[in-house]
PDB file of N, CA and C in Angstrom:
ATOM      1  N   UNK A   1       0.840  -1.180   0.000  1.00  0.00           N
ATOM      2  CA  UNK A   1       0.000   0.000   0.000  1.00  0.00           C
ATOM      3  C   UNK A   1       0.886   1.245   0.000  1.00  0.00           C
ATOM      4  N   UNK A   2       0.659   2.137  -0.912  1.00  0.00           N
ATOM      5  CA  UNK A   2       1.455   3.351  -1.034  1.00  0.00           C
ATOM      6  C   UNK A   2       0.942   4.423  -0.089  1.00  0.00           C
ATOM      7  N   UNK A   3       1.836   5.267   0.349  1.00  0.00           N
ATOM      8  CA  UNK A   3       1.466   6.407   1.190  1.00  0.00           C
ATOM      9  C   UNK A   3       1.320   7.606   0.278  1.00  0.00           C
ATOM     10  N   UNK A   4       0.188   8.255   0.366  1.00  0.00           N
ATOM     11  CA  UNK A   4      -0.072   9.417  -0.475  1.00  0.00           C
ATOM     12  C   UNK A   4       0.212  10.685   0.309  1.00  0.00           C
ATOM     13  N   UNK A   5       1.131  11.470  -0.193  1.00  0.00           N
ATOM     14  CA  UNK A   5       1.473  12.736   0.443  1.00  0.00           C
ATOM     15  C   UNK A   5       0.552  13.823  -0.103  1.00  0.00           C
ATOM     16  N   UNK A   6       0.012  14.678   0.775  1.00  0.00           N
ATOM     17  CA  UNK A   6      -0.817  15.774   0.290  1.00  0.00           C
ATOM     18  C   UNK A   6       0.029  16.775  -0.488  1.00  0.00           C
ATOM     19  N   UNK A   7      -0.631  17.546  -1.275  1.00  0.00           N
ATOM     20  CA  UNK A   7       0.071  18.529  -2.087  1.00  0.00           C
ATOM     21  C   UNK A   7       0.378  19.759  -1.235  1.00  0.00           C
ATOM     22  N   UNK A   8       1.613  19.839  -0.806  1.00  0.00           N
ATOM     23  CA  UNK A   8       2.096  21.016  -0.087  1.00  0.00           C
ATOM     24  C   UNK A   8       3.167  21.626  -0.967  1.00  0.00           C
ATOM     25  N   UNK A   9       3.033  22.889  -1.244  1.00  0.00           N
ATOM     26  CA  UNK A   9       3.977  23.556  -2.113  1.00  0.00           C
ATOM     27  C   UNK A   9       4.761  24.557  -1.269  1.00  0.00           C
ATOM     28  N   UNK A  10       6.053  24.332  -1.119  1.00  0.00           N
ATOM     29  CA  UNK A  10       6.876  25.296  -0.389  1.00  0.00           C
ATOM     30  C   UNK A  10       7.299  26.373  -1.379  1.00  0.00           C
ATOM     31  N   UNK A  11       6.972  27.617  -1.083  1.00  0.00           N
ATOM     32  CA  UNK A  11       7.256  28.701  -2.007  1.00  0.00           C
ATOM     33  C   UNK A  11       7.854  29.887  -1.269  1.00  0.00           C
ATOM     34  N   UNK A  12       8.517  30.705  -2.007  1.00  0.00           N
ATOM     35  CA  UNK A  12       8.986  31.957  -1.440  1.00  0.00           C
ATOM     36  C   UNK A  12       8.586  33.130  -2.322  1.00  0.00           C
ATOM     37  N   UNK A  13       7.665  32.900  -3.246  1.00  0.00           N
ATOM     38  CA  UNK A  13       7.276  33.938  -4.179  1.00  0.00           C
ATOM     39  C   UNK A  13       6.019  34.674  -3.728  1.00  0.00           C
ATOM     40  N   UNK A  14       5.462  35.457  -4.590  1.00  0.00           N
ATOM     41  CA  UNK A  14       4.391  36.389  -4.223  1.00  0.00           C
ATOM     42  C   UNK A  14       3.032  35.722  -4.055  1.00  0.00           C
ATOM     43  N   UNK A  15       2.113  36.485  -3.496  1.00  0.00           N
ATOM     44  CA  UNK A  15       0.763  35.992  -3.218  1.00  0.00           C
ATOM     45  C   UNK A  15      -0.021  35.714  -4.490  1.00  0.00           C
ATOM     46  N   UNK A  16       0.349  36.300  -5.604  1.00  0.00           N
ATOM     47  CA  UNK A  16      -0.380  36.113  -6.841  1.00  0.00           C
ATOM     48  C   UNK A  16      -0.241  34.726  -7.446  1.00  0.00           C
ATOM     49  N   UNK A  17       0.643  33.893  -6.931  1.00  0.00           N
ATOM     50  CA  UNK A  17       0.862  32.582  -7.526  1.00  0.00           C
ATOM     51  C   UNK A  17       0.205  31.448  -6.739  1.00  0.00           C
ATOM     52  N   UNK A  18      -0.768  31.766  -5.892  1.00  0.00           N
ATOM     53  CA  UNK A  18      -1.449  30.732  -5.112  1.00  0.00           C
ATOM     54  C   UNK A  18      -2.545  30.118  -5.984  1.00  0.00           C
ATOM     55  N   UNK A  19      -2.486  28.799  -6.201  1.00  0.00           N
ATOM     56  CA  UNK A  19      -3.512  28.156  -7.034  1.00  0.00           C
ATOM     57  C   UNK A  19      -4.888  28.214  -6.377  1.00  0.00           C
ATOM     58  N   UNK A  20      -5.907  28.149  -7.185  1.00  0.00           N
ATOM     59  CA  UNK A  20      -7.276  28.132  -6.692  1.00  0.00           C
ATOM     60  C   UNK A  20      -7.443  26.943  -5.745  1.00  0.00           C
ATOM     61  N   UNK A  21      -8.125  27.172  -4.621  1.00  0.00           N
ATOM     62  CA  UNK A  21      -8.353  26.103  -3.651  1.00  0.00           C
ATOM     63  C   UNK A  21      -7.215  25.921  -2.658  1.00  0.00           C
ATOM     64  N   UNK A  22      -6.278  26.843  -2.626  1.00  0.00           N
ATOM     65  CA  UNK A  22      -5.132  26.786  -1.718  1.00  0.00           C
ATOM     66  C   UNK A  22      -4.997  28.120  -0.984  1.00  0.00           C
ATOM     67  N   UNK A  23      -4.179  28.133   0.067  1.00  0.00           N
ATOM     68  CA  UNK A  23      -3.855  29.375   0.768  1.00  0.00           C
ATOM     69  C   UNK A  23      -2.453  29.256   1.352  1.00  0.00           C
ATOM     70  N   UNK A  24      -1.887  30.394   1.694  1.00  0.00           N
ATOM     71  CA  UNK A  24      -0.512  30.422   2.194  1.00  0.00           C
ATOM     72  C   UNK A  24      -0.494  30.497   3.716  1.00  0.00           C
ATOM     73  N   UNK A  25       0.459  29.796   4.304  1.00  0.00           N
ATOM     74  CA  UNK A  25       0.753  29.901   5.734  1.00  0.00           C
ATOM     75  C   UNK A  25       2.257  30.002   5.885  1.00  0.00           C
ATOM     76  N   UNK A  26       2.676  30.622   6.971  1.00  0.00           N
ATOM     77  CA  UNK A  26       4.090  30.638   7.331  1.00  0.00           C
ATOM     78  C   UNK A  26       4.272  29.692   8.499  1.00  0.00           C
ATOM     79  N   UNK A  27       5.326  28.901   8.435  1.00  0.00           N
ATOM     80  CA  UNK A  27       5.563  27.865   9.436  1.00  0.00           C
ATOM     81  C   UNK A  27       6.965  28.042  10.002  1.00  0.00           C
ATOM     82  N   UNK A  28       7.070  27.917  11.317  1.00  0.00           N
ATOM     83  CA  UNK A  28       8.371  27.984  11.967  1.00  0.00           C
ATOM     84  C   UNK A  28       8.314  28.838  13.208  1.00  0.00           C
ATOM     85  N   UNK A  29       9.375  28.719  13.989  1.00  0.00           N
ATOM     86  CA  UNK A  29       9.437  29.518  15.205  1.00  0.00           C
ATOM     87  C   UNK A  29      10.349  30.728  15.007  1.00  0.00           C
ATOM     88  N   UNK A  30      11.572  30.531  14.590  1.00  0.00           N
ATOM     89  CA  UNK A  30      12.461  31.664  14.311  1.00  0.00           C
ATOM     90  C   UNK A  30      12.522  31.923  12.814  1.00  0.00           C
ATOM     91  N   UNK A  31      12.953  30.937  12.058  1.00  0.00           N
ATOM     92  CA  UNK A  31      13.026  31.027  10.605  1.00  0.00           C
ATOM     93  C   UNK A  31      11.689  30.561  10.036  1.00  0.00           C
ATOM     94  N   UNK A  32      10.931  31.450   9.418  1.00  0.00           N
ATOM     95  CA  UNK A  32       9.612  31.110   8.903  1.00  0.00           C
ATOM     96  C   UNK A  32       9.701  30.773   7.417  1.00  0.00           C
ATOM     97  N   UNK A  33       9.017  29.697   7.026  1.00  0.00           N
ATOM     98  CA  UNK A  33       8.951  29.313   5.618  1.00  0.00           C
ATOM     99  C   UNK A  33       7.497  29.356   5.176  1.00  0.00           C
ATOM    100  N   UNK A  34       7.309  29.759   3.934  1.00  0.00           N
ATOM    101  CA  UNK A  34       5.964  29.889   3.382  1.00  0.00           C
ATOM    102  C   UNK A  34       5.571  28.590   2.683  1.00  0.00           C
ATOM    103  N   UNK A  35       4.361  28.124   3.005  1.00  0.00           N
ATOM    104  CA  UNK A  35       3.799  26.941   2.371  1.00  0.00           C
ATOM    105  C   UNK A  35       2.458  27.312   1.771  1.00  0.00           C
ATOM    106  N   UNK A  36       2.168  26.760   0.616  1.00  0.00           N
ATOM    107  CA  UNK A  36       0.855  26.908  -0.002  1.00  0.00           C
ATOM    108  C   UNK A  36       0.181  25.549   0.147  1.00  0.00           C
ATOM    109  N   UNK A  37      -0.959  25.543   0.838  1.00  0.00           N
ATOM    110  CA  UNK A  37      -1.608  24.283   1.194  1.00  0.00           C
ATOM    111  C   UNK A  37      -3.070  24.295   0.754  1.00  0.00           C
ATOM    112  N   UNK A  38      -3.655  23.108   0.586  1.00  0.00           N
ATOM    113  CA  UNK A  38      -5.063  23.031   0.174  1.00  0.00           C
ATOM    114  C   UNK A  38      -6.010  23.564   1.254  1.00  0.00           C
ATOM    115  N   UNK A  39      -7.069  24.206   0.828  1.00  0.00           N
ATOM    116  CA  UNK A  39      -8.086  24.700   1.755  1.00  0.00           C
ATOM    117  C   UNK A  39      -8.720  23.543   2.528  1.00  0.00           C
ATOM    118  N   UNK A  40      -8.725  22.352   1.956  1.00  0.00           N
ATOM    119  CA  UNK A  40      -9.321  21.189   2.628  1.00  0.00           C
ATOM    120  C   UNK A  40      -8.654  20.886   3.966  1.00  0.00           C
ATOM    121  N   UNK A  41      -7.435  21.387   4.180  1.00  0.00           N
ATOM    122  CA  UNK A  41      -6.761  21.194   5.477  1.00  0.00           C
ATOM    123  C   UNK A  41      -7.561  21.820   6.609  1.00  0.00           C
ATOM    124  N   UNK A  42      -8.362  22.837   6.307  1.00  0.00           N
ATOM    125  CA  UNK A  42      -9.149  23.514   7.346  1.00  0.00           C
ATOM    126  C   UNK A  42     -10.150  22.587   8.015  1.00  0.00           C
ATOM    127  N   UNK A  43     -10.515  21.501   7.356  1.00  0.00           N
ATOM    128  CA  UNK A  43     -11.461  20.536   7.931  1.00  0.00           C
ATOM    129  C   UNK A  43     -10.802  19.542   8.879  1.00  0.00           C
ATOM    130  N   UNK A  44      -9.486  19.488   8.915  1.00  0.00           N
ATOM    131  CA  UNK A  44      -8.767  18.501   9.715  1.00  0.00           C
ATOM    132  C   UNK A  44      -8.640  18.969  11.175  1.00  0.00           C
ATOM    133  N   UNK A  45      -9.055  18.148  12.141  1.00  0.00           N
ATOM    134  CA  UNK A  45      -8.964  18.547  13.551  1.00  0.00           C
ATOM    135  C   UNK A  45      -7.544  18.899  13.991  1.00  0.00           C
ATOM    136  N   UNK A  46      -6.543  18.177  13.513  1.00  0.00           N
ATOM    137  CA  UNK A  46      -5.179  18.489  13.938  1.00  0.00           C
ATOM    138  C   UNK A  46      -4.699  19.808  13.332  1.00  0.00           C
ATOM    139  N   UNK A  47      -5.187  20.173  12.141  1.00  0.00           N
ATOM    140  CA  UNK A  47      -4.842  21.472  11.573  1.00  0.00           C
ATOM    141  C   UNK A  47      -5.565  22.575  12.332  1.00  0.00           C
ATOM    142  N   UNK A  48      -6.793  22.325  12.736  1.00  0.00           N
ATOM    143  CA  UNK A  48      -7.523  23.298  13.547  1.00  0.00           C
ATOM    144  C   UNK A  48      -6.797  23.543  14.870  1.00  0.00           C
ATOM    145  N   UNK A  49      -6.174  22.501  15.408  1.00  0.00           N
ATOM    146  CA  UNK A  49      -5.375  22.652  16.619  1.00  0.00           C
ATOM    147  C   UNK A  49      -4.169  23.564  16.358  1.00  0.00           C
ATOM    148  N   UNK A  50      -3.516  23.394  15.205  1.00  0.00           N
ATOM    149  CA  UNK A  50      -2.408  24.283  14.843  1.00  0.00           C
ATOM    150  C   UNK A  50      -2.884  25.728  14.725  1.00  0.00           C
ATOM    151  N   UNK A  51      -4.079  25.929  14.167  1.00  0.00           N
ATOM    152  CA  UNK A  51      -4.627  27.282  14.056  1.00  0.00           C
ATOM    153  C   UNK A  51      -4.912  27.877  15.436  1.00  0.00           C
ATOM    154  N   UNK A  52      -5.350  27.039  16.366  1.00  0.00           N
ATOM    155  CA  UNK A  52      -5.581  27.514  17.740  1.00  0.00           C
ATOM    156  C   UNK A  52      -4.268  27.947  18.386  1.00  0.00           C
ATOM    157  N   UNK A  53      -3.205  27.207  18.128  1.00  0.00           N
ATOM    158  CA  UNK A  53      -1.888  27.585  18.648  1.00  0.00           C
ATOM    159  C   UNK A  53      -1.461  28.932  18.059  1.00  0.00           C
ATOM    160  N   UNK A  54      -1.726  29.119  16.760  1.00  0.00           N
ATOM    161  CA  UNK A  54      -1.388  30.386  16.119  1.00  0.00           C
ATOM    162  C   UNK A  54      -2.190  31.528  16.727  1.00  0.00           C
ATOM    163  N   UNK A  55      -3.460  31.293  16.993  1.00  0.00           N
ATOM    164  CA  UNK A  55      -4.297  32.325  17.607  1.00  0.00           C
ATOM    165  C   UNK A  55      -3.806  32.664  19.012  1.00  0.00           C
ATOM    166  N   UNK A  56      -3.424  31.630  19.788  1.00  0.00           N
ATOM    167  CA  UNK A  56      -2.918  31.868  21.141  1.00  0.00           C
ATOM    168  C   UNK A  56      -1.644  32.713  21.121  1.00  0.00           C
ATOM    169  N   UNK A  57      -0.785  32.464  20.142  1.00  0.00           N
ATOM    170  CA  UNK A  57       0.488  33.181  20.103  1.00  0.00           C
ATOM    171  C   UNK A  57       0.385  34.554  19.460  1.00  0.00           C
ATOM    172  N   UNK A  58      -0.375  34.663  18.369  1.00  0.00           N
ATOM    173  CA  UNK A  58      -0.400  35.901  17.596  1.00  0.00           C
ATOM    174  C   UNK A  58      -1.730  36.635  17.611  1.00  0.00           C
ATOM    175  N   UNK A  59      -2.799  36.004  18.076  1.00  0.00           N
ATOM    176  CA  UNK A  59      -4.115  36.617  17.968  1.00  0.00           C
ATOM    177  C   UNK A  59      -4.476  36.729  16.501  1.00  0.00           C
ATOM    178  N   UNK A  60      -5.044  37.844  16.117  1.00  0.00           N
ATOM    179  CA  UNK A  60      -5.396  38.026  14.716  1.00  0.00           C
ATOM    180  C   UNK A  60      -4.464  39.015  14.028  1.00  0.00           C
ATOM    181  N   UNK A  61      -3.359  39.341  14.672  1.00  0.00           N
ATOM    182  CA  UNK A  61      -2.363  40.242  14.106  1.00  0.00           C
ATOM    183  C   UNK A  61      -1.150  39.407  13.711  1.00  0.00           C
ATOM    184  N   UNK A  62      -1.166  38.873  12.505  1.00  0.00           N
ATOM    185  CA  UNK A  62      -0.083  38.007  12.057  1.00  0.00           C
ATOM    186  C   UNK A  62       1.043  38.847  11.474  1.00  0.00           C
ATOM    187  N   UNK A  63       2.247  38.749  12.039  1.00  0.00           N
ATOM    188  CA  UNK A  63       3.348  39.619  11.630  1.00  0.00           C
ATOM    189  C   UNK A  63       3.805  39.412  10.187  1.00  0.00           C
ATOM    190  N   UNK A  64       3.535  38.261   9.592  1.00  0.00           N
ATOM    191  CA  UNK A  64       4.004  37.992   8.237  1.00  0.00           C
ATOM    192  C   UNK A  64       2.947  38.355   7.184  1.00  0.00           C
ATOM    193  N   UNK A  65       1.767  38.831   7.603  1.00  0.00           N
ATOM    194  CA  UNK A  65       0.723  39.185   6.666  1.00  0.00           C
ATOM    195  C   UNK A  65      -0.150  38.008   6.267  1.00  0.00           C
ATOM    196  N   UNK A  66       0.144  36.842   6.776  1.00  0.00           N
ATOM    197  CA  UNK A  66      -0.656  35.641   6.535  1.00  0.00           C
ATOM    198  C   UNK A  66      -0.636  34.845   7.830  1.00  0.00           C
ATOM    199  N   UNK A  67      -1.363  33.764   7.867  1.00  0.00           N
ATOM    200  CA  UNK A  67      -1.382  32.937   9.071  1.00  0.00           C
ATOM    201  C   UNK A  67       0.020  32.388   9.324  1.00  0.00           C
ATOM    202  N   UNK A  68       0.480  32.548  10.548  1.00  0.00           N
ATOM    203  CA  UNK A  68       1.783  32.029  10.946  1.00  0.00           C
ATOM    204  C   UNK A  68       1.557  30.913  11.956  1.00  0.00           C
ATOM    205  N   UNK A  69       2.046  29.716  11.648  1.00  0.00           N
ATOM    206  CA  UNK A  69       1.883  28.555  12.526  1.00  0.00           C
ATOM    207  C   UNK A  69       3.188  28.380  13.297  1.00  0.00           C
ATOM    208  N   UNK A  70       3.149  28.548  14.623  1.00  0.00           N
ATOM    209  CA  UNK A  70       4.378  28.583  15.423  1.00  0.00           C
ATOM    210  C   UNK A  70       4.891  27.195  15.841  1.00  0.00           C
ATOM    211  N   UNK A  71       5.103  26.313  14.867  1.00  0.00           N
ATOM    212  CA  UNK A  71       5.676  24.995  15.147  1.00  0.00           C
ATOM    213  C   UNK A  71       6.844  24.779  14.194  1.00  0.00           C
ATOM    214  N   UNK A  72       7.785  23.913  14.547  1.00  0.00           N
ATOM    215  CA  UNK A  72       8.885  23.616  13.623  1.00  0.00           C
ATOM    216  C   UNK A  72       8.368  23.029  12.306  1.00  0.00           C
ATOM    217  N   UNK A  73       9.090  23.310  11.239  1.00  0.00           N
ATOM    218  CA  UNK A  73       8.692  22.862   9.903  1.00  0.00           C
ATOM    219  C   UNK A  73       8.497  21.350   9.828  1.00  0.00           C
ATOM    220  N   UNK A  74       9.382  20.577  10.453  1.00  0.00           N
ATOM    221  CA  UNK A  74       9.265  19.113  10.368  1.00  0.00           C
ATOM    222  C   UNK A  74       8.004  18.603  11.064  1.00  0.00           C
ATOM    223  N   UNK A  75       7.587  19.247  12.137  1.00  0.00           N
ATOM    224  CA  UNK A  75       6.347  18.847  12.820  1.00  0.00           C
ATOM    225  C   UNK A  75       5.145  19.177  11.941  1.00  0.00           C
ATOM    226  N   UNK A  76       5.158  20.355  11.329  1.00  0.00           N
ATOM    227  CA  UNK A  76       4.065  20.742  10.426  1.00  0.00           C
ATOM    228  C   UNK A  76       3.936  19.750   9.278  1.00  0.00           C
ATOM    229  N   UNK A  77       5.040  19.406   8.662  1.00  0.00           N
ATOM    230  CA  UNK A  77       5.015  18.457   7.547  1.00  0.00           C
ATOM    231  C   UNK A  77       4.557  17.083   8.033  1.00  0.00           C
ATOM    232  N   UNK A  78       5.008  16.672   9.220  1.00  0.00           N
ATOM    233  CA  UNK A  78       4.580  15.378   9.767  1.00  0.00           C
ATOM    234  C   UNK A  78       3.092  15.325   9.995  1.00  0.00           C
ATOM    235  N   UNK A  79       2.519  16.393  10.537  1.00  0.00           N
ATOM    236  CA  UNK A  79       1.074  16.440  10.796  1.00  0.00           C
ATOM    237  C   UNK A  79       0.297  16.452   9.496  1.00  0.00           C
ATOM    238  N   UNK A  80       0.668  17.339   8.581  1.00  0.00           N
ATOM    239  CA  UNK A  80      -0.103  17.491   7.352  1.00  0.00           C
ATOM    240  C   UNK A  80       0.094  16.323   6.396  1.00  0.00           C
ATOM    241  N   UNK A  81       1.166  15.566   6.519  1.00  0.00           N
ATOM    242  CA  UNK A  81       1.367  14.431   5.619  1.00  0.00           C
ATOM    243  C   UNK A  81       0.395  13.290   5.937  1.00  0.00           C
ATOM    244  N   UNK A  82      -0.253  13.353   7.086  1.00  0.00           N
ATOM    245  CA  UNK A  82      -1.223  12.327   7.461  1.00  0.00           C
ATOM    246  C   UNK A  82      -2.635  12.628   6.941  1.00  0.00           C
ATOM    247  N   UNK A  83      -2.844  13.808   6.384  1.00  0.00           N
ATOM    248  CA  UNK A  83      -4.163  14.204   5.915  1.00  0.00           C
ATOM    249  C   UNK A  83      -4.490  13.512   4.605  1.00  0.00           C
ATOM    250  N   UNK A  84      -5.738  13.137   4.478  1.00  0.00           N
ATOM    251  CA  UNK A  84      -6.253  12.615   3.201  1.00  0.00           C
ATOM    252  C   UNK A  84      -7.049  13.735   2.566  1.00  0.00           C
ATOM    253  N   UNK A  85      -6.595  14.132   1.396  1.00  0.00           N
ATOM    254  CA  UNK A  85      -7.279  15.256   0.731  1.00  0.00           C
ATOM    255  C   UNK A  85      -7.990  14.796  -0.508  1.00  0.00           C
TER     256      UNK A  85
END
């Protein structure tokens, strides 16, 4: 049985290149990296937990101009790689 990885696009370019049905988040604690992820992630309870952590840390004033998830990149990828989209 093959493991299917969700489509996560790591990008460093502008907001105009986000495909339809996706949105950008910044991930990391000190060094932040931008990821473009499917909107379907919003339905996942573990992703909602990450959003709650972001709200606890930043409120609704995100310093990067987009949602910033305050977890290490490898943890974010580990969590989101388990999602079925």
